Amino acid sequence: MKVKNNIALIGMPAVGKSTVGVLLAKKLGFEFIDTDILIQTKEQSGLAGIISQKGLERFLEIEESHLLSLRCSKHVIATGGSVIYREKAMAHLAKMATIVYLFVDLDILITRLCDVIERGVAIDPGTGIDDLYRERTPLYDKFCDIRIDCGTNSPAQVLTSIEQCF
């Protein structure tokens, strides 16, 4: 597979996109962007604050807008888990990056992701992690170029799995 100018990591919250992204960027000599941090910096508020003050739909619009503004080369981009809800954002990402989906089974995710509200996860009130997982998994599969099953692997092991795809 030919690598595009950037590599974008997608997947559920708490799968290790940021951790693996930093390691991958270091290994490749790329710069690293965490879109959640980008949003928080530009909006001068935490993700949970944006969601509670502006609502989920407005948060998704803000996330899309910041992703669409990305113009970079030789970057590893760790996206927020909800980026896959916006076709336009994903089309932009697909033009500029090879998209790698970091996948974990639901039972592993549940052990890693405890407080979705405090963490700023884009989730409808009353929705559980299992519902979110079932809703998002087909979208991650739809948009990815490469799917990496992280299982219980360490970030270093996930990095090795990604490297083997290129």
Foldseek 3Di string as FASTA:
>chain_A
DDWFQEEEEEEAPQLCLPVLQVVLLVVQVAAEEELQVVLCVVVVHHLLVCCVVPNLVVSLVSSLVSLLPDDDGRYYYYYHHCPLVDPVSLVSCVVGGQYEYEDEDPVVVCVRDPDCNVNNHSDDPPDDPVNVCVVRVVSSVVRHPHYQHCYVPDSVVSNVVVVVVD
